[in-house]
Amino acid sequence: MAKSNSNSGARTAMTPSAAARIQGATARSTGGIVAKGSFAARAQSVAARNGAGKSGNGK
């Protein structure tokens, strides 16, 4: 199998804005429902943990 150009080994932290995009897309495709335990819900949880203790929003 040929090697692809994807960076599957590189990891980037989940950001709140990325989690919001994922959750929004899921909600749009499921009529506004984001199921508990879904990828979108887990992404939101990870983004919240990644942002915990960091103050970068100027507040």
Protein backbone atom coordinates (compact mmCIF):
# COMPACT_ATOMS: atom_id res chain seq x y z
CA MET A 1 0.00 0.00 0.00
CA ALA A 2 1.38 3.43 -0.92
CA LYS A 3 2.08 5.87 1.85
CA SER A 4 -0.46 8.68 2.00
CA ASN A 5 0.30 12.33 2.63
CA SER A 6 -1.86 12.48 5.76
CA ASN A 7 -0.30 13.36 9.07
CA SER A 8 -1.91 10.52 10.97
CA GLY A 9 1.02 10.48 13.40
CA ALA A 10 0.82 14.20 14.16
CA ARG A 11 -1.54 15.18 16.96
CA THR A 12 -3.08 18.58 17.43
CA ALA A 13 -4.97 19.58 20.56
CA MET A 14 -8.74 19.88 20.20
CA THR A 15 -9.69 23.54 20.37
CA PRO A 16 -13.05 24.89 21.50
CA SER A 17 -13.68 26.34 18.04
CA ALA A 18 -12.96 23.01 16.34
CA ALA A 19 -15.25 21.21 18.80
CA ALA A 20 -17.97 23.79 18.14
CA ARG A 21 -17.69 23.18 14.37
CA ILE A 22 -17.96 19.43 14.90
CA GLN A 23 -20.89 19.77 17.26
CA GLY A 24 -22.66 22.22 14.94
CA ALA A 25 -22.28 19.94 11.94
CA THR A 26 -23.58 16.99 13.95
CA ALA A 27 -26.55 18.98 15.21
CA ARG A 28 -27.41 20.16 11.69
CA SER A 29 -27.29 16.62 10.33
CA THR A 30 -29.34 15.08 13.16
CA GLY A 31 -32.08 17.69 13.55
CA GLY A 32 -30.48 19.48 16.50
CA ILE A 33 -29.63 16.44 18.60
CA VAL A 34 -26.09 15.62 19.69
CA ALA A 35 -26.12 12.25 21.41
CA LYS A 36 -24.34 11.68 24.67
CA GLY A 37 -21.09 9.83 24.01
CA SER A 38 -21.00 10.78 20.33
CA PHE A 39 -17.81 11.98 18.67
CA ALA A 40 -19.09 15.56 18.83
CA ALA A 41 -19.79 15.27 22.56
CA ARG A 42 -16.38 13.74 23.23
CA ALA A 43 -14.69 16.47 21.17
CA GLN A 44 -16.45 19.13 23.24
CA SER A 45 -15.33 17.44 26.44
CA VAL A 46 -11.71 17.20 25.32
CA ALA A 47 -11.71 20.83 24.18
CA ALA A 48 -13.00 21.90 27.59
CA ARG A 49 -10.26 19.91 29.31
CA ASN A 50 -7.60 21.29 26.97
CA GLY A 51 -8.74 24.83 27.73
CA ALA A 52 -9.03 24.34 31.50
CA GLY A 53 -6.76 26.69 33.40
CA LYS A 54 -5.81 28.68 30.32
CA SER A 55 -6.95 32.27 30.07
CA GLY A 56 -6.49 33.47 26.54
CA ASN A 57 -9.82 35.15 26.00
CA GLY A 58 -8.96 38.46 27.68
CA LYS A 59 -11.45 38.11 30.50
